[in-house]
């Protein structure tokens, strides 16, 4: 792996990426900026009733066809007189097409221009993928197995521009490898037959790096990757989505190497959070060769995993 070549390679923002067209959604957390200011700027981009709070506090169901703003207790601060700083932007259902990527670019550029808005060490980026992308319980279990085996690789990549996790990761997106009952969880996976049983295995707790609890939620039937550091860098977000969709695709029955992944699980050693800040070239290569078919996509993965960024990749971000 020639890391000099990785640094020279530009991480391009594309109109369509090398990934399956599974429906997905994104949550971008932010701090410091006035909630009302962000709401106004988002309204100018997409003029519609956008506040998710209206839906959360009424009997109406969320409208996942619109970009929306929501309060989030992990990043918000109450200023008094009904005013807040911080929150999160929720995308509509997105697809791997020009329209969706243009909209994401517009939102990222808008956020960068807002006064005082910061992506701090508290902020995360969440990626939701339609559960129908993995239609059977067995394929969802395949995804969990893959995620558990390569969790340190996935985490390091997902730290984005940084080489370490956000401050609140352990609280809101804790690694499976740090669960005291991880070996019990692994041993139970092949006994599960339904989505409901799968959610019960995790006691319906969504605060893992990969959240499976929503698969029995008819209002939001997704699998959610919660581990990524927050960012307004469109290139990093697109690359994260590229990895996530290809990871999901590998878990489909026609692609999944069950014998190999089960072998890795039988020899599994719990992965602690500090391991994910160190490079593991052999394991990263194994992971990339499994989920990507396109060589350029592999290079983009390695670029983000090894943090070999150039000025073009980094853009100007409001990050603390």
C-alpha atoms as a PDB file:
ATOM      1  CA  UNK A   1       0.000   0.000   0.000  1.00  0.00           C
ATOM      2  CA  UNK A   2       1.695   3.174  -1.223  1.00  0.00           C
ATOM      3  CA  UNK A   3       0.382   5.848   1.122  1.00  0.00           C
ATOM      4  CA  UNK A   4       2.012   8.639  -0.896  1.00  0.00           C
ATOM      5  CA  UNK A   5      -0.188   7.688  -3.834  1.00  0.00           C
ATOM      6  CA  UNK A   6      -3.228   7.664  -1.550  1.00  0.00           C
ATOM      7  CA  UNK A   7      -2.485  11.207  -0.421  1.00  0.00           C
ATOM      8  CA  UNK A   8      -2.125  12.389  -4.022  1.00  0.00           C
ATOM      9  CA  UNK A   9      -5.409  10.753  -5.018  1.00  0.00           C
ATOM     10  CA  UNK A  10      -8.347  13.171  -4.709  1.00  0.00           C
ATOM     11  CA  UNK A  11     -11.452  11.925  -2.928  1.00  0.00           C
ATOM     12  CA  UNK A  12     -13.977  12.931  -5.562  1.00  0.00           C
ATOM     13  CA  UNK A  13     -17.627  13.743  -4.912  1.00  0.00           C
ATOM     14  CA  UNK A  14     -19.616  11.841  -7.526  1.00  0.00           C
ATOM     15  CA  UNK A  15     -23.083  12.013  -9.059  1.00  0.00           C
ATOM     16  CA  UNK A  16     -23.362   8.255  -8.569  1.00  0.00           C
ATOM     17  CA  UNK A  17     -21.158   5.989  -6.490  1.00  0.00           C
ATOM     18  CA  UNK A  18     -20.071   2.385  -6.907  1.00  0.00           C
ATOM     19  CA  UNK A  19     -22.674   0.923  -4.548  1.00  0.00           C
ATOM     20  CA  UNK A  20     -26.069  -0.781  -4.721  1.00  0.00           C
ATOM     21  CA  UNK A  21     -29.082   1.496  -4.867  1.00  0.00           C
ATOM     22  CA  UNK A  22     -30.430   0.638  -1.425  1.00  0.00           C
ATOM     23  CA  UNK A  23     -32.607   3.453  -0.010  1.00  0.00           C
ATOM     24  CA  UNK A  24     -30.760   5.249   2.801  1.00  0.00           C
ATOM     25  CA  UNK A  25     -30.969   8.287   5.044  1.00  0.00           C
ATOM     26  CA  UNK A  26     -28.520  10.500   6.941  1.00  0.00           C
ATOM     27  CA  UNK A  27     -28.557  12.377  10.249  1.00  0.00           C
ATOM     28  CA  UNK A  28     -26.021  15.200  10.706  1.00  0.00           C
ATOM     29  CA  UNK A  29     -25.572  16.496  14.265  1.00  0.00           C
ATOM     30  CA  UNK A  30     -24.265  19.991  15.022  1.00  0.00           C
ATOM     31  CA  UNK A  31     -23.710  22.331  17.968  1.00  0.00           C
ATOM     32  CA  UNK A  32     -23.490  26.064  18.812  1.00  0.00           C
ATOM     33  CA  UNK A  33     -25.674  27.470  16.009  1.00  0.00           C
ATOM     34  CA  UNK A  34     -29.171  28.741  16.738  1.00  0.00           C
ATOM     35  CA  UNK A  35     -31.721  26.073  15.933  1.00  0.00           C
ATOM     36  CA  UNK A  36     -34.067  28.673  14.455  1.00  0.00           C
ATOM     37  CA  UNK A  37     -31.302  29.949  12.138  1.00  0.00           C
ATOM     38  CA  UNK A  38     -30.565  26.480  10.797  1.00  0.00           C
ATOM     39  CA  UNK A  39     -34.289  25.852  10.372  1.00  0.00           C
ATOM     40  CA  UNK A  40     -34.651  29.059   8.356  1.00  0.00           C
ATOM     41  CA  UNK A  41     -31.686  28.264   6.093  1.00  0.00           C
ATOM     42  CA  UNK A  42     -32.949  24.732   5.528  1.00  0.00           C
ATOM     43  CA  UNK A  43     -36.368  26.135   4.670  1.00  0.00           C
ATOM     44  CA  UNK A  44     -34.784  28.380   2.044  1.00  0.00           C
ATOM     45  CA  UNK A  45     -33.204  25.337   0.423  1.00  0.00           C
ATOM     46  CA  UNK A  46     -36.303  23.165   0.634  1.00  0.00           C
ATOM     47  CA  UNK A  47     -39.342  25.401   1.223  1.00  0.00           C
ATOM     48  CA  UNK A  48     -41.738  23.204   3.180  1.00  0.00           C
ATOM     49  CA  UNK A  49     -42.798  22.615   6.765  1.00  0.00           C
ATOM     50  CA  UNK A  50     -39.635  20.982   8.017  1.00  0.00           C
ATOM     51  CA  UNK A  51     -39.507  20.818  11.796  1.00  0.00           C
ATOM     52  CA  UNK A  52     -39.543  17.243  12.977  1.00  0.00           C
ATOM     53  CA  UNK A  53     -40.544  18.532  16.405  1.00  0.00           C
ATOM     54  CA  UNK A  54     -44.044  19.099  15.027  1.00  0.00           C
ATOM     55  CA  UNK A  55     -44.220  15.409  14.263  1.00  0.00           C
ATOM     56  CA  UNK A  56     -42.638  14.217  17.490  1.00  0.00           C
ATOM     57  CA  UNK A  57     -45.094  16.195  19.585  1.00  0.00           C
ATOM     58  CA  UNK A  58     -48.230  15.216  17.684  1.00  0.00           C
ATOM     59  CA  UNK A  59     -49.925  12.131  16.324  1.00  0.00           C
ATOM     60  CA  UNK A  60     -48.615  12.821  12.843  1.00  0.00           C
ATOM     61  CA  UNK A  61     -46.085  10.427  11.395  1.00  0.00           C
ATOM     62  CA  UNK A  62     -42.712  11.769  10.187  1.00  0.00           C
ATOM     63  CA  UNK A  63     -42.570  12.638   6.512  1.00  0.00           C
ATOM     64  CA  UNK A  64     -39.394  10.996   5.256  1.00  0.00           C
ATOM     65  CA  UNK A  65     -39.799  12.697   1.890  1.00  0.00           C
ATOM     66  CA  UNK A  66     -38.395  15.995   3.223  1.00  0.00           C
ATOM     67  CA  UNK A  67     -35.176  17.344   4.699  1.00  0.00           C
ATOM     68  CA  UNK A  68     -35.998  18.130   8.306  1.00  0.00           C
ATOM     69  CA  UNK A  69     -34.576  19.553  11.517  1.00  0.00           C
ATOM     70  CA  UNK A  70     -34.852  17.970  14.965  1.00  0.00           C
ATOM     71  CA  UNK A  71     -33.698  18.699  18.472  1.00  0.00           C
ATOM     72  CA  UNK A  72     -31.220  16.186  19.874  1.00  0.00           C
ATOM     73  CA  UNK A  73     -30.470  16.078  23.586  1.00  0.00           C
ATOM     74  CA  UNK A  74     -26.875  14.929  23.026  1.00  0.00           C
ATOM     75  CA  UNK A  75     -25.911  18.167  21.215  1.00  0.00           C
ATOM     76  CA  UNK A  76     -28.531  20.764  22.094  1.00  0.00           C
ATOM     77  CA  UNK A  77     -28.467  23.530  24.704  1.00  0.00           C
ATOM     78  CA  UNK A  78     -31.532  25.401  25.937  1.00  0.00           C
ATOM     79  CA  UNK A  79     -30.977  29.154  25.978  1.00  0.00           C
ATOM     80  CA  UNK A  80     -34.299  30.120  27.533  1.00  0.00           C
ATOM     81  CA  UNK A  81     -37.350  31.799  26.032  1.00  0.00           C
ATOM     82  CA  UNK A  82     -37.946  28.826  23.746  1.00  0.00           C
ATOM     83  CA  UNK A  83     -34.556  29.123  22.036  1.00  0.00           C
ATOM     84  CA  UNK A  84     -32.046  26.323  21.466  1.00  0.00           C
ATOM     85  CA  UNK A  85     -28.566  25.865  20.103  1.00  0.00           C
ATOM     86  CA  UNK A  86     -27.656  22.649  18.341  1.00  0.00           C
ATOM     87  CA  UNK A  87     -29.676  19.880  16.784  1.00  0.00           C
ATOM     88  CA  UNK A  88     -29.590  17.455  13.903  1.00  0.00           C
ATOM     89  CA  UNK A  89     -30.574  17.530  10.252  1.00  0.00           C
ATOM     90  CA  UNK A  90     -32.479  14.503   8.984  1.00  0.00           C
ATOM     91  CA  UNK A  91     -32.455  13.692   5.292  1.00  0.00           C
ATOM     92  CA  UNK A  92     -35.403  12.335   3.366  1.00  0.00           C
ATOM     93  CA  UNK A  93     -35.128   8.842   1.916  1.00  0.00           C
ATOM     94  CA  UNK A  94     -32.136   9.130  -0.413  1.00  0.00           C
ATOM     95  CA  UNK A  95     -30.966   7.050  -3.344  1.00  0.00           C
ATOM     96  CA  UNK A  96     -27.697   6.559  -5.170  1.00  0.00           C
ATOM     97  CA  UNK A  97     -28.518   9.104  -7.848  1.00  0.00           C
ATOM     98  CA  UNK A  98     -27.668  12.632  -8.958  1.00  0.00           C
ATOM     99  CA  UNK A  99     -30.649  14.274  -7.240  1.00  0.00           C
ATOM    100  CA  UNK A 100     -29.850  12.899  -3.789  1.00  0.00           C
ATOM    101  CA  UNK A 101     -26.144  13.714  -3.970  1.00  0.00           C
ATOM    102  CA  UNK A 102     -26.867  17.274  -5.143  1.00  0.00           C
ATOM    103  CA  UNK A 103     -29.226  17.779  -2.202  1.00  0.00           C
ATOM    104  CA  UNK A 104     -26.639  16.477   0.273  1.00  0.00           C
ATOM    105  CA  UNK A 105     -24.035  18.817  -1.209  1.00  0.00           C
ATOM    106  CA  UNK A 106     -26.426  21.768  -0.800  1.00  0.00           C
ATOM    107  CA  UNK A 107     -27.085  20.901   2.842  1.00  0.00           C
ATOM    108  CA  UNK A 108     -23.380  20.510   3.680  1.00  0.00           C
ATOM    109  CA  UNK A 109     -22.501  23.829   2.028  1.00  0.00           C
ATOM    110  CA  UNK A 110     -25.386  25.544   3.822  1.00  0.00           C
ATOM    111  CA  UNK A 111     -24.254  24.254   7.216  1.00  0.00           C
ATOM    112  CA  UNK A 112     -20.701  25.495   6.655  1.00  0.00           C
ATOM    113  CA  UNK A 113     -22.006  29.049   6.140  1.00  0.00           C
ATOM    114  CA  UNK A 114     -24.088  29.280   9.326  1.00  0.00           C
ATOM    115  CA  UNK A 115     -22.702  31.536  12.032  1.00  0.00           C
ATOM    116  CA  UNK A 116     -21.221  29.726  15.047  1.00  0.00           C
ATOM    117  CA  UNK A 117     -22.153  26.253  13.775  1.00  0.00           C
ATOM    118  CA  UNK A 118     -19.590  23.692  14.919  1.00  0.00           C
ATOM    119  CA  UNK A 119     -19.158  19.974  14.463  1.00  0.00           C
ATOM    120  CA  UNK A 120     -17.715  19.223  17.891  1.00  0.00           C
ATOM    121  CA  UNK A 121     -16.433  16.061  19.518  1.00  0.00           C
ATOM    122  CA  UNK A 122     -19.986  15.403  20.676  1.00  0.00           C
ATOM    123  CA  UNK A 123     -21.447  15.246  17.173  1.00  0.00           C
ATOM    124  CA  UNK A 124     -22.170  12.114  15.206  1.00  0.00           C
ATOM    125  CA  UNK A 125     -23.231  11.135  11.709  1.00  0.00           C
ATOM    126  CA  UNK A 126     -25.815   8.350  11.447  1.00  0.00           C
ATOM    127  CA  UNK A 127     -26.577   6.372   8.293  1.00  0.00           C
ATOM    128  CA  UNK A 128     -29.883   4.506   7.994  1.00  0.00           C
ATOM    129  CA  UNK A 129     -30.401   1.799   5.375  1.00  0.00           C
ATOM    130  CA  UNK A 130     -33.796   0.363   4.458  1.00  0.00           C
ATOM    131  CA  UNK A 131     -34.184  -3.042   6.104  1.00  0.00           C
ATOM    132  CA  UNK A 132     -35.558  -4.368   2.794  1.00  0.00           C
ATOM    133  CA  UNK A 133     -31.991  -4.254   1.486  1.00  0.00           C
ATOM    134  CA  UNK A 134     -31.516  -7.350   3.674  1.00  0.00           C
ATOM    135  CA  UNK A 135     -34.954  -8.982   3.365  1.00  0.00           C
ATOM    136  CA  UNK A 136     -34.361 -12.031   5.560  1.00  0.00           C
ATOM    137  CA  UNK A 137     -33.432 -12.297   9.226  1.00  0.00           C
ATOM    138  CA  UNK A 138     -30.499 -14.497   8.195  1.00  0.00           C
ATOM    139  CA  UNK A 139     -29.050 -11.711   6.050  1.00  0.00           C
ATOM    140  CA  UNK A 140     -29.387  -9.217   8.916  1.00  0.00           C
ATOM    141  CA  UNK A 141     -27.486 -11.686  11.086  1.00  0.00           C
ATOM    142  CA  UNK A 142     -24.848 -11.936   8.331  1.00  0.00           C
ATOM    143  CA  UNK A 143     -24.426  -8.147   8.593  1.00  0.00           C
ATOM    144  CA  UNK A 144     -24.040  -8.311  12.363  1.00  0.00           C
ATOM    145  CA  UNK A 145     -21.455 -11.072  12.080  1.00  0.00           C
ATOM    146  CA  UNK A 146     -19.477  -9.099   9.515  1.00  0.00           C
ATOM    147  CA  UNK A 147     -19.718  -5.943  11.609  1.00  0.00           C
ATOM    148  CA  UNK A 148     -18.544  -7.702  14.788  1.00  0.00           C
ATOM    149  CA  UNK A 149     -15.561  -9.349  13.057  1.00  0.00           C
ATOM    150  CA  UNK A 150     -14.362  -6.122  11.375  1.00  0.00           C
ATOM    151  CA  UNK A 151     -15.574  -3.618  13.963  1.00  0.00           C
ATOM    152  CA  UNK A 152     -12.152  -2.049  14.562  1.00  0.00           C
ATOM    153  CA  UNK A 153     -11.674  -1.516  10.811  1.00  0.00           C
ATOM    154  CA  UNK A 154     -15.171  -0.081  10.357  1.00  0.00           C
ATOM    155  CA  UNK A 155     -14.742   2.232  13.340  1.00  0.00           C
ATOM    156  CA  UNK A 156     -11.385   3.642  12.275  1.00  0.00           C
ATOM    157  CA  UNK A 157     -12.711   4.346   8.791  1.00  0.00           C
ATOM    158  CA  UNK A 158     -15.858   5.922  10.273  1.00  0.00           C
ATOM    159  CA  UNK A 159     -13.881   8.426  12.343  1.00  0.00           C
ATOM    160  CA  UNK A 160     -13.688  10.346   9.065  1.00  0.00           C
ATOM    161  CA  UNK A 161     -11.232  13.237   9.146  1.00  0.00           C
ATOM    162  CA  UNK A 162     -10.091  12.303  12.633  1.00  0.00           C
ATOM    163  CA  UNK A 163      -8.080   9.360  13.896  1.00  0.00           C
ATOM    164  CA  UNK A 164     -10.106   8.823  17.033  1.00  0.00           C
ATOM    165  CA  UNK A 165     -13.767   8.466  18.045  1.00  0.00           C
ATOM    166  CA  UNK A 166     -16.025  11.273  19.169  1.00  0.00           C
ATOM    167  CA  UNK A 167     -16.370  11.887  22.896  1.00  0.00           C
ATOM    168  CA  UNK A 168     -19.866  10.421  23.170  1.00  0.00           C
ATOM    169  CA  UNK A 169     -19.302   7.331  21.022  1.00  0.00           C
ATOM    170  CA  UNK A 170     -19.207   4.875  23.921  1.00  0.00           C
ATOM    171  CA  UNK A 171     -22.453   6.282  25.312  1.00  0.00           C
ATOM    172  CA  UNK A 172     -24.472   6.387  22.086  1.00  0.00           C
ATOM    173  CA  UNK A 173     -22.713   3.972  19.674  1.00  0.00           C
ATOM    174  CA  UNK A 174     -20.746   1.585  21.834  1.00  0.00           C
ATOM    175  CA  UNK A 175     -18.701  -1.167  20.208  1.00  0.00           C
ATOM    176  CA  UNK A 176     -20.013  -4.727  20.333  1.00  0.00           C
ATOM    177  CA  UNK A 177     -16.489  -5.758  21.302  1.00  0.00           C
ATOM    178  CA  UNK A 178     -16.817  -3.900  24.602  1.00  0.00           C
ATOM    179  CA  UNK A 179     -20.075  -5.558  25.585  1.00  0.00           C
ATOM    180  CA  UNK A 180     -19.310  -7.910  28.522  1.00  0.00           C
ATOM    181  CA  UNK A 181     -21.743 -10.406  26.961  1.00  0.00           C
ATOM    182  CA  UNK A 182     -20.329 -10.306  23.437  1.00  0.00           C
ATOM    183  CA  UNK A 183     -19.437 -14.021  23.411  1.00  0.00           C
ATOM    184  CA  UNK A 184     -22.984 -14.895  24.523  1.00  0.00           C
ATOM    185  CA  UNK A 185     -24.347 -12.686  21.734  1.00  0.00           C
ATOM    186  CA  UNK A 186     -22.143 -14.392  19.130  1.00  0.00           C
ATOM    187  CA  UNK A 187     -23.221 -17.843  20.317  1.00  0.00           C
ATOM    188  CA  UNK A 188     -26.908 -16.909  20.080  1.00  0.00           C
ATOM    189  CA  UNK A 189     -26.855 -15.435  16.564  1.00  0.00           C
ATOM    190  CA  UNK A 190     -27.380 -18.714  14.662  1.00  0.00           C
ATOM    191  CA  UNK A 191     -30.297 -19.655  16.909  1.00  0.00           C
ATOM    192  CA  UNK A 192     -32.342 -16.602  15.911  1.00  0.00           C
ATOM    193  CA  UNK A 193     -35.151 -17.071  13.395  1.00  0.00           C
ATOM    194  CA  UNK A 194     -37.090 -13.776  13.376  1.00  0.00           C
ATOM    195  CA  UNK A 195     -36.419 -10.034  13.375  1.00  0.00           C
ATOM    196  CA  UNK A 196     -38.211  -9.739  16.712  1.00  0.00           C
ATOM    197  CA  UNK A 197     -35.885 -12.306  18.297  1.00  0.00           C
ATOM    198  CA  UNK A 198     -32.912 -10.378  16.942  1.00  0.00           C
ATOM    199  CA  UNK A 199     -34.001  -7.137  18.619  1.00  0.00           C
ATOM    200  CA  UNK A 200     -34.584  -8.982  21.906  1.00  0.00           C
ATOM    201  CA  UNK A 201     -31.013 -10.291  21.818  1.00  0.00           C
ATOM    202  CA  UNK A 202     -29.889  -6.686  22.324  1.00  0.00           C
ATOM    203  CA  UNK A 203     -32.682  -6.000  24.827  1.00  0.00           C
ATOM    204  CA  UNK A 204     -34.094  -3.518  22.313  1.00  0.00           C
ATOM    205  CA  UNK A 205     -31.138  -1.186  22.993  1.00  0.00           C
ATOM    206  CA  UNK A 206     -30.243   0.902  19.936  1.00  0.00           C
ATOM    207  CA  UNK A 207     -27.046   2.420  21.368  1.00  0.00           C
ATOM    208  CA  UNK A 208     -24.584   0.169  19.551  1.00  0.00           C
ATOM    209  CA  UNK A 209     -22.402   1.086  16.598  1.00  0.00           C
ATOM    210  CA  UNK A 210     -24.885  -0.853  14.467  1.00  0.00           C
ATOM    211  CA  UNK A 211     -28.480  -0.445  15.617  1.00  0.00           C
ATOM    212  CA  UNK A 212     -30.844  -3.280  14.633  1.00  0.00           C
ATOM    213  CA  UNK A 213     -33.769  -2.270  16.842  1.00  0.00           C
ATOM    214  CA  UNK A 214     -35.633  -0.272  14.197  1.00  0.00           C
ATOM    215  CA  UNK A 215     -36.244  -3.326  12.009  1.00  0.00           C
ATOM    216  CA  UNK A 216     -39.480  -3.969  13.933  1.00  0.00           C
ATOM    217  CA  UNK A 217     -40.493  -0.295  13.825  1.00  0.00           C
ATOM    218  CA  UNK A 218     -43.018   0.230  11.051  1.00  0.00           C
ATOM    219  CA  UNK A 219     -42.471   4.023  11.106  1.00  0.00           C
ATOM    220  CA  UNK A 220     -38.707   3.790  10.613  1.00  0.00           C
ATOM    221  CA  UNK A 221     -37.817   0.271   9.366  1.00  0.00           C
ATOM    222  CA  UNK A 222     -34.057   0.665   9.011  1.00  0.00           C
ATOM    223  CA  UNK A 223     -30.710  -0.662  10.117  1.00  0.00           C
ATOM    224  CA  UNK A 224     -28.619   2.222  11.441  1.00  0.00           C
ATOM    225  CA  UNK A 225     -24.859   2.726  11.478  1.00  0.00           C
ATOM    226  CA  UNK A 226     -24.254   5.132  14.389  1.00  0.00           C
ATOM    227  CA  UNK A 227     -20.483   5.062  14.839  1.00  0.00           C
ATOM    228  CA  UNK A 228     -19.345   7.824  12.454  1.00  0.00           C
ATOM    229  CA  UNK A 229     -17.913  11.110  13.689  1.00  0.00           C
ATOM    230  CA  UNK A 230     -19.909  14.177  12.740  1.00  0.00           C
ATOM    231  CA  UNK A 231     -18.900  16.173   9.669  1.00  0.00           C
ATOM    232  CA  UNK A 232     -20.180  18.596   7.049  1.00  0.00           C
ATOM    233  CA  UNK A 233     -17.640  17.305   4.526  1.00  0.00           C
ATOM    234  CA  UNK A 234     -19.703  15.946   1.643  1.00  0.00           C
ATOM    235  CA  UNK A 235     -16.827  13.781   0.373  1.00  0.00           C
ATOM    236  CA  UNK A 236     -16.407  12.013   3.699  1.00  0.00           C
ATOM    237  CA  UNK A 237     -20.161  11.483   4.028  1.00  0.00           C
ATOM    238  CA  UNK A 238     -20.433  10.059   0.509  1.00  0.00           C
ATOM    239  CA  UNK A 239     -17.462   7.769   1.106  1.00  0.00           C
ATOM    240  CA  UNK A 240     -19.052   6.583   4.360  1.00  0.00           C
ATOM    241  CA  UNK A 241     -22.306   5.833   2.550  1.00  0.00           C
ATOM    242  CA  UNK A 242     -20.319   3.997  -0.157  1.00  0.00           C
ATOM    243  CA  UNK A 243     -18.708   1.760   2.463  1.00  0.00           C
ATOM    244  CA  UNK A 244     -21.981   1.197   4.337  1.00  0.00           C
ATOM    245  CA  UNK A 245     -24.013   0.206   1.271  1.00  0.00           C
ATOM    246  CA  UNK A 246     -21.284  -2.138   0.054  1.00  0.00           C
ATOM    247  CA  UNK A 247     -21.038  -3.688   3.518  1.00  0.00           C
ATOM    248  CA  UNK A 248     -24.793  -4.328   3.449  1.00  0.00           C
ATOM    249  CA  UNK A 249     -24.495  -5.794  -0.028  1.00  0.00           C
ATOM    250  CA  UNK A 250     -21.840  -8.251   1.138  1.00  0.00           C
ATOM    251  CA  UNK A 251     -24.269  -9.532   3.790  1.00  0.00           C
ATOM    252  CA  UNK A 252     -26.765 -10.646   1.135  1.00  0.00           C
ATOM    253  CA  UNK A 253     -26.933 -14.410   0.846  1.00  0.00           C
ATOM    254  CA  UNK A 254     -25.492 -14.523  -2.685  1.00  0.00           C
ATOM    255  CA  UNK A 255     -22.322 -12.633  -1.598  1.00  0.00           C
ATOM    256  CA  UNK A 256     -21.701 -13.693   2.000  1.00  0.00           C
ATOM    257  CA  UNK A 257     -18.848 -16.101   2.805  1.00  0.00           C
ATOM    258  CA  UNK A 258     -20.497 -17.754   5.792  1.00  0.00           C
ATOM    259  CA  UNK A 259     -17.823 -20.379   6.337  1.00  0.00           C
ATOM    260  CA  UNK A 260     -15.040 -17.798   6.594  1.00  0.00           C
ATOM    261  CA  UNK A 261     -16.930 -15.324   8.808  1.00  0.00           C
ATOM    262  CA  UNK A 262     -18.087 -18.096  11.144  1.00  0.00           C
ATOM    263  CA  UNK A 263     -14.470 -19.249  11.393  1.00  0.00           C
ATOM    264  CA  UNK A 264     -13.429 -15.719  12.361  1.00  0.00           C
ATOM    265  CA  UNK A 265     -16.183 -15.590  14.993  1.00  0.00           C
ATOM    266  CA  UNK A 266     -15.092 -18.905  16.509  1.00  0.00           C
ATOM    267  CA  UNK A 267     -11.654 -17.364  16.986  1.00  0.00           C
ATOM    268  CA  UNK A 268     -13.005 -13.962  18.028  1.00  0.00           C
ATOM    269  CA  UNK A 269     -11.274 -11.872  20.655  1.00  0.00           C
ATOM    270  CA  UNK A 270     -13.157  -8.832  22.012  1.00  0.00           C
ATOM    271  CA  UNK A 271     -12.137  -5.645  20.233  1.00  0.00           C
ATOM    272  CA  UNK A 272     -11.577  -2.716  22.568  1.00  0.00           C
ATOM    273  CA  UNK A 273     -12.147   0.842  21.460  1.00  0.00           C
ATOM    274  CA  UNK A 274      -8.476   1.833  21.660  1.00  0.00           C
ATOM    275  CA  UNK A 275      -7.598  -0.841  19.069  1.00  0.00           C
ATOM    276  CA  UNK A 276      -9.551   1.057  16.435  1.00  0.00           C
ATOM    277  CA  UNK A 277      -7.100   3.971  16.435  1.00  0.00           C
ATOM    278  CA  UNK A 278      -4.243   1.776  15.158  1.00  0.00           C
ATOM    279  CA  UNK A 279      -3.686   0.584  11.579  1.00  0.00           C
ATOM    280  CA  UNK A 280      -4.193  -3.086  10.751  1.00  0.00           C
ATOM    281  CA  UNK A 281      -3.128  -3.278   7.119  1.00  0.00           C
ATOM    282  CA  UNK A 282      -3.800  -6.993   6.633  1.00  0.00           C
ATOM    283  CA  UNK A 283      -7.280  -6.893   8.152  1.00  0.00           C
ATOM    284  CA  UNK A 284      -8.229  -3.645   6.374  1.00  0.00           C
ATOM    285  CA  UNK A 285      -7.193  -5.185   3.050  1.00  0.00           C
ATOM    286  CA  UNK A 286      -9.213  -8.334   3.769  1.00  0.00           C
ATOM    287  CA  UNK A 287     -12.280  -6.221   4.563  1.00  0.00           C
ATOM    288  CA  UNK A 288     -11.949  -4.013   1.466  1.00  0.00           C
ATOM    289  CA  UNK A 289     -11.416  -6.966  -0.867  1.00  0.00           C
ATOM    290  CA  UNK A 290     -14.593  -8.560   0.434  1.00  0.00           C
ATOM    291  CA  UNK A 291     -16.995  -5.650   0.157  1.00  0.00           C
ATOM    292  CA  UNK A 292     -15.676  -3.733  -2.886  1.00  0.00           C
ATOM    293  CA  UNK A 293     -15.487  -4.903  -6.488  1.00  0.00           C
ATOM    294  CA  UNK A 294     -14.221  -1.582  -7.851  1.00  0.00           C
ATOM    295  CA  UNK A 295     -10.521  -0.759  -7.397  1.00  0.00           C
ATOM    296  CA  UNK A 296     -11.086   2.997  -7.100  1.00  0.00           C
ATOM    297  CA  UNK A 297     -13.624   2.394  -4.324  1.00  0.00           C
ATOM    298  CA  UNK A 298     -10.983   0.374  -2.490  1.00  0.00           C
ATOM    299  CA  UNK A 299      -8.535   3.259  -2.825  1.00  0.00           C
ATOM    300  CA  UNK A 300     -11.107   5.688  -1.442  1.00  0.00           C
ATOM    301  CA  UNK A 301     -11.651   3.304   1.475  1.00  0.00           C
ATOM    302  CA  UNK A 302      -7.919   3.059   2.192  1.00  0.00           C
ATOM    303  CA  UNK A 303      -7.564   6.833   1.931  1.00  0.00           C
ATOM    304  CA  UNK A 304     -10.129   7.358   4.671  1.00  0.00           C
ATOM    305  CA  UNK A 305      -8.982   4.414   6.779  1.00  0.00           C
ATOM    306  CA  UNK A 306      -5.337   5.555   6.803  1.00  0.00           C
ATOM    307  CA  UNK A 307      -6.291   9.286   6.919  1.00  0.00           C
ATOM    308  CA  UNK A 308      -4.139  10.102   3.898  1.00  0.00           C
ATOM    309  CA  UNK A 309      -5.993  13.313   3.037  1.00  0.00           C
ATOM    310  CA  UNK A 310      -4.864  16.246   0.932  1.00  0.00           C
ATOM    311  CA  UNK A 311      -6.237  19.805   0.989  1.00  0.00           C
ATOM    312  CA  UNK A 312      -8.782  19.004  -1.720  1.00  0.00           C
ATOM    313  CA  UNK A 313     -10.270  16.207   0.400  1.00  0.00           C
ATOM    314  CA  UNK A 314     -10.477  18.137   3.650  1.00  0.00           C
ATOM    315  CA  UNK A 315     -12.477  21.149   2.420  1.00  0.00           C
ATOM    316  CA  UNK A 316     -13.194  23.885   4.951  1.00  0.00           C
ATOM    317  CA  UNK A 317     -15.183  22.467   7.851  1.00  0.00           C
ATOM    318  CA  UNK A 318     -16.430  24.017  11.079  1.00  0.00           C
ATOM    319  CA  UNK A 319     -14.908  21.392  13.336  1.00  0.00           C
ATOM    320  CA  UNK A 320     -13.698  21.619  16.919  1.00  0.00           C
END
